Amino acid sequence: DDKGKKSSGEWLYDMCIVETEKIYDDRWIDKSESDVITKIAFNLECEFSTGLQDLAQDLGKLITSTSPKSLYIQGLNQIIEKVRKEFIENRINIISKQLRQSISNELYIAFVPSPVKSGTESVWDKSDIKELVSWIEIYSIKDLD
């Protein structure tokens, strides 16, 4: 971190599509082999928490990636449509305005109903599927000018 404290853990993507090359060890008769990831063609991060720190952690992985295309999936748990739209607009502004200079790949952001439970229920338990599908919105960051 910025105070010199070591952070633990691995930096993995939630999902990625990769290109690989085979490597061989010629010392063995069976020529043991393995695949090495040589390129990330697409990667994805999905965060159902609506916290700013969670956005920063996952979005940072996509922004620093060499993948030409990335998708950030943001969960929504705001039942009231006006509040949900304000949240979406806020997230888009953070990414497209504050981070515009840092984004070099094709970055997309999708907003979807979160399955995370608040108490004993999630928005999936409180709403019908047609309503939840209507919540889904997808944006290309480069097209947000």
C-alpha atoms as a PDB file:
ATOM      1  CA  ASP A   1       0.000   0.000   0.000  1.00  0.00           C
ATOM      2  CA  ASP A   2       1.016   3.660   0.021  1.00  0.00           C
ATOM      3  CA  LYS A   3       2.429   3.272   3.554  1.00  0.00           C
ATOM      4  CA  GLY A   4       4.763   0.427   2.577  1.00  0.00           C
ATOM      5  CA  LYS A   5       2.659  -2.310   4.161  1.00  0.00           C
ATOM      6  CA  LYS A   6       2.681  -5.580   2.256  1.00  0.00           C
ATOM      7  CA  SER A   7      -0.707  -6.853   1.092  1.00  0.00           C
ATOM      8  CA  SER A   8      -1.331 -10.567   0.949  1.00  0.00           C
ATOM      9  CA  GLY A   9      -3.205 -12.548  -1.674  1.00  0.00           C
ATOM     10  CA  GLU A  10      -3.135 -13.209  -5.364  1.00  0.00           C
ATOM     11  CA  TRP A  11      -4.290 -10.903  -8.118  1.00  0.00           C
ATOM     12  CA  LEU A  12      -6.611 -13.064 -10.193  1.00  0.00           C
ATOM     13  CA  TYR A  13      -9.368 -12.221 -12.646  1.00  0.00           C
ATOM     14  CA  ASP A  14     -12.858 -13.588 -12.064  1.00  0.00           C
ATOM     15  CA  MET A  15     -12.784 -14.895 -15.637  1.00  0.00           C
ATOM     16  CA  CYS A  16     -10.570 -14.595 -18.674  1.00  0.00           C
ATOM     17  CA  ILE A  17     -10.225 -15.978 -22.176  1.00  0.00           C
ATOM     18  CA  VAL A  18      -6.599 -16.649 -23.021  1.00  0.00           C
ATOM     19  CA  GLU A  19      -4.249 -17.760 -25.752  1.00  0.00           C
ATOM     20  CA  THR A  20      -1.651 -20.372 -24.849  1.00  0.00           C
ATOM     21  CA  GLU A  21       1.492 -21.987 -26.187  1.00  0.00           C
ATOM     22  CA  LYS A  22       2.741 -25.456 -25.364  1.00  0.00           C
ATOM     23  CA  ILE A  23       6.087 -25.947 -23.697  1.00  0.00           C
ATOM     24  CA  TYR A  24       7.952 -29.247 -23.467  1.00  0.00           C
ATOM     25  CA  ASP A  25      10.648 -30.742 -21.307  1.00  0.00           C
ATOM     26  CA  ASP A  26      12.848 -32.761 -23.666  1.00  0.00           C
ATOM     27  CA  ARG A  27      14.728 -34.408 -20.800  1.00  0.00           C
ATOM     28  CA  TRP A  28      11.973 -36.969 -20.390  1.00  0.00           C
ATOM     29  CA  ILE A  29      10.961 -39.764 -22.744  1.00  0.00           C
ATOM     30  CA  ASP A  30       7.298 -38.842 -22.475  1.00  0.00           C
ATOM     31  CA  LYS A  31       8.216 -35.186 -23.181  1.00  0.00           C
ATOM     32  CA  SER A  32       6.051 -33.796 -20.435  1.00  0.00           C
ATOM     33  CA  GLU A  33       4.226 -30.726 -21.623  1.00  0.00           C
ATOM     34  CA  SER A  34       2.225 -27.826 -20.292  1.00  0.00           C
ATOM     35  CA  ASP A  35       0.400 -24.794 -21.603  1.00  0.00           C
ATOM     36  CA  VAL A  36       1.663 -21.291 -20.870  1.00  0.00           C
ATOM     37  CA  ILE A  37      -0.727 -18.353 -21.032  1.00  0.00           C
ATOM     38  CA  THR A  38       0.787 -15.931 -23.531  1.00  0.00           C
ATOM     39  CA  LYS A  39      -2.061 -13.478 -23.997  1.00  0.00           C
ATOM     40  CA  ILE A  40      -5.271 -12.481 -22.283  1.00  0.00           C
ATOM     41  CA  ALA A  41      -7.837 -11.886 -25.029  1.00  0.00           C
ATOM     42  CA  PHE A  42     -10.688 -10.900 -22.691  1.00  0.00           C
ATOM     43  CA  ASN A  43     -11.109 -10.551 -18.954  1.00  0.00           C
ATOM     44  CA  LEU A  44     -13.934  -9.913 -16.567  1.00  0.00           C
ATOM     45  CA  GLU A  45     -14.388  -8.764 -13.004  1.00  0.00           C
ATOM     46  CA  CYS A  46     -17.707  -9.002 -11.198  1.00  0.00           C
ATOM     47  CA  GLU A  47     -18.472  -7.138  -7.976  1.00  0.00           C
ATOM     48  CA  PHE A  48     -21.852  -7.318  -6.291  1.00  0.00           C
ATOM     49  CA  SER A  49     -20.842  -5.013  -3.445  1.00  0.00           C
ATOM     50  CA  THR A  50     -21.691  -1.366  -4.083  1.00  0.00           C
ATOM     51  CA  GLY A  51     -18.752  -0.059  -2.017  1.00  0.00           C
ATOM     52  CA  LEU A  52     -16.252   2.310  -3.627  1.00  0.00           C
ATOM     53  CA  GLN A  53     -13.239   0.350  -2.323  1.00  0.00           C
ATOM     54  CA  ASP A  54     -14.550  -2.850  -3.938  1.00  0.00           C
ATOM     55  CA  LEU A  55     -14.984  -0.994  -7.240  1.00  0.00           C
ATOM     56  CA  ALA A  56     -11.427   0.343  -6.989  1.00  0.00           C
ATOM     57  CA  GLN A  57      -9.878  -3.080  -6.337  1.00  0.00           C
ATOM     58  CA  ASP A  58     -11.603  -4.929  -9.169  1.00  0.00           C
ATOM     59  CA  LEU A  59     -11.588  -2.113 -11.709  1.00  0.00           C
ATOM     60  CA  GLY A  60      -7.868  -1.581 -11.128  1.00  0.00           C
ATOM     61  CA  LYS A  61      -7.199  -5.112 -12.321  1.00  0.00           C
ATOM     62  CA  LEU A  62      -9.001  -4.449 -15.596  1.00  0.00           C
ATOM     63  CA  ILE A  63      -7.435  -1.028 -16.189  1.00  0.00           C
ATOM     64  CA  THR A  64      -3.884  -2.361 -15.766  1.00  0.00           C
ATOM     65  CA  SER A  65      -4.530  -5.453 -17.869  1.00  0.00           C
ATOM     66  CA  THR A  66      -3.016  -5.937 -21.317  1.00  0.00           C
ATOM     67  CA  SER A  67      -6.285  -7.483 -22.488  1.00  0.00           C
ATOM     68  CA  PRO A  68      -7.749  -5.561 -25.444  1.00  0.00           C
ATOM     69  CA  LYS A  69     -11.294  -5.984 -24.066  1.00  0.00           C
ATOM     70  CA  SER A  70     -12.539  -6.060 -20.485  1.00  0.00           C
ATOM     71  CA  LEU A  71     -15.913  -6.201 -18.772  1.00  0.00           C
ATOM     72  CA  TYR A  72     -16.717  -4.944 -15.291  1.00  0.00           C
ATOM     73  CA  ILE A  73     -20.011  -6.247 -13.900  1.00  0.00           C
ATOM     74  CA  GLN A  74     -21.463  -4.125 -11.110  1.00  0.00           C
ATOM     75  CA  GLY A  75     -24.222  -5.457  -8.885  1.00  0.00           C
ATOM     76  CA  LEU A  76     -27.313  -3.420  -8.146  1.00  0.00           C
ATOM     77  CA  ASN A  77     -29.343  -3.701  -4.965  1.00  0.00           C
ATOM     78  CA  GLN A  78     -31.307  -0.451  -5.113  1.00  0.00           C
ATOM     79  CA  ILE A  79     -35.018  -1.320  -5.231  1.00  0.00           C
ATOM     80  CA  ILE A  80     -36.148   2.259  -5.953  1.00  0.00           C
ATOM     81  CA  GLU A  81     -35.566   3.026  -9.641  1.00  0.00           C
ATOM     82  CA  LYS A  82     -34.514   6.665  -9.088  1.00  0.00           C
ATOM     83  CA  VAL A  83     -31.891   5.610  -6.534  1.00  0.00           C
ATOM     84  CA  ARG A  84     -30.671   2.815  -8.843  1.00  0.00           C
ATOM     85  CA  LYS A  85     -30.335   5.237 -11.804  1.00  0.00           C
ATOM     86  CA  GLU A  86     -28.401   7.713  -9.620  1.00  0.00           C
ATOM     87  CA  PHE A  87     -26.036   4.921  -8.557  1.00  0.00           C
ATOM     88  CA  ILE A  88     -25.461   3.890 -12.196  1.00  0.00           C
ATOM     89  CA  GLU A  89     -24.816   7.493 -13.238  1.00  0.00           C
ATOM     90  CA  ASN A  90     -22.377   7.941 -10.355  1.00  0.00           C
ATOM     91  CA  ARG A  91     -20.410   4.801 -11.267  1.00  0.00           C
ATOM     92  CA  ILE A  92     -20.266   5.794 -14.943  1.00  0.00           C
ATOM     93  CA  ASN A  93     -19.002   9.268 -14.007  1.00  0.00           C
ATOM     94  CA  ILE A  94     -16.302   7.853 -11.737  1.00  0.00           C
ATOM     95  CA  ILE A  95     -15.046   5.530 -14.467  1.00  0.00           C
ATOM     96  CA  SER A  96     -15.492   7.694 -17.566  1.00  0.00           C
ATOM     97  CA  LYS A  97     -14.385  11.020 -16.098  1.00  0.00           C
ATOM     98  CA  GLN A  98     -12.011  10.337 -13.202  1.00  0.00           C
ATOM     99  CA  LEU A  99     -10.262   7.351 -14.809  1.00  0.00           C
ATOM    100  CA  ARG A 100     -10.519   8.202 -18.544  1.00  0.00           C
ATOM    101  CA  GLN A 101      -6.771   8.812 -18.947  1.00  0.00           C
ATOM    102  CA  SER A 102      -5.915   5.466 -17.325  1.00  0.00           C
ATOM    103  CA  ILE A 103      -8.134   3.327 -19.565  1.00  0.00           C
ATOM    104  CA  SER A 104      -6.316   2.074 -22.657  1.00  0.00           C
ATOM    105  CA  ASN A 105      -8.411  -0.952 -23.576  1.00  0.00           C
ATOM    106  CA  GLU A 106     -12.045  -1.397 -24.622  1.00  0.00           C
ATOM    107  CA  LEU A 107     -13.726  -1.361 -21.240  1.00  0.00           C
ATOM    108  CA  TYR A 108     -17.394  -2.174 -20.801  1.00  0.00           C
ATOM    109  CA  ILE A 109     -19.452  -1.864 -17.643  1.00  0.00           C
ATOM    110  CA  ALA A 110     -22.607  -3.863 -17.041  1.00  0.00           C
ATOM    111  CA  PHE A 111     -25.080  -3.252 -14.245  1.00  0.00           C
ATOM    112  CA  VAL A 112     -27.052  -6.298 -13.080  1.00  0.00           C
ATOM    113  CA  PRO A 113     -29.283  -7.162 -10.117  1.00  0.00           C
ATOM    114  CA  SER A 114     -27.138  -8.430  -7.260  1.00  0.00           C
ATOM    115  CA  PRO A 115     -27.841 -11.880  -5.807  1.00  0.00           C
ATOM    116  CA  VAL A 116     -26.277 -10.837  -2.484  1.00  0.00           C
ATOM    117  CA  LYS A 117     -28.708 -11.064   0.414  1.00  0.00           C
ATOM    118  CA  SER A 118     -29.463  -8.148   2.656  1.00  0.00           C
ATOM    119  CA  GLY A 119     -30.750  -9.793   5.793  1.00  0.00           C
ATOM    120  CA  THR A 120     -32.486 -12.938   4.605  1.00  0.00           C
ATOM    121  CA  GLU A 121     -33.431 -11.822   1.072  1.00  0.00           C
ATOM    122  CA  SER A 122     -31.827 -10.513  -2.082  1.00  0.00           C
ATOM    123  CA  VAL A 123     -33.476  -8.398  -4.762  1.00  0.00           C
ATOM    124  CA  TRP A 124     -33.915 -11.703  -6.610  1.00  0.00           C
ATOM    125  CA  ASP A 125     -36.223 -12.848  -3.802  1.00  0.00           C
ATOM    126  CA  LYS A 126     -38.213  -9.598  -3.791  1.00  0.00           C
ATOM    127  CA  SER A 127     -38.794  -9.066  -7.536  1.00  0.00           C
ATOM    128  CA  ASP A 128     -39.988 -11.019 -10.549  1.00  0.00           C
ATOM    129  CA  ILE A 129     -37.555 -11.928 -13.324  1.00  0.00           C
ATOM    130  CA  LYS A 130     -39.031  -9.527 -15.908  1.00  0.00           C
ATOM    131  CA  GLU A 131     -38.484  -6.605 -13.584  1.00  0.00           C
ATOM    132  CA  LEU A 132     -34.920  -7.711 -12.796  1.00  0.00           C
ATOM    133  CA  VAL A 133     -34.067  -8.093 -16.485  1.00  0.00           C
ATOM    134  CA  SER A 134     -35.231  -4.508 -17.015  1.00  0.00           C
ATOM    135  CA  TRP A 135     -32.533  -3.361 -14.572  1.00  0.00           C
ATOM    136  CA  ILE A 136     -29.676  -4.591 -16.798  1.00  0.00           C
ATOM    137  CA  GLU A 137     -27.676  -1.854 -18.522  1.00  0.00           C
ATOM    138  CA  ILE A 138     -24.385  -2.139 -20.436  1.00  0.00           C
ATOM    139  CA  TYR A 139     -22.090   0.704 -21.467  1.00  0.00           C
ATOM    140  CA  SER A 140     -18.909   1.051 -23.501  1.00  0.00           C
ATOM    141  CA  ILE A 141     -16.673   3.502 -21.644  1.00  0.00           C
ATOM    142  CA  LYS A 142     -15.111   4.828 -24.872  1.00  0.00           C
ATOM    143  CA  ASP A 143     -18.595   5.790 -26.122  1.00  0.00           C
ATOM    144  CA  LEU A 144     -19.376   7.904 -23.028  1.00  0.00           C
ATOM    145  CA  ASP A 145     -18.394  11.395 -24.106  1.00  0.00           C
END
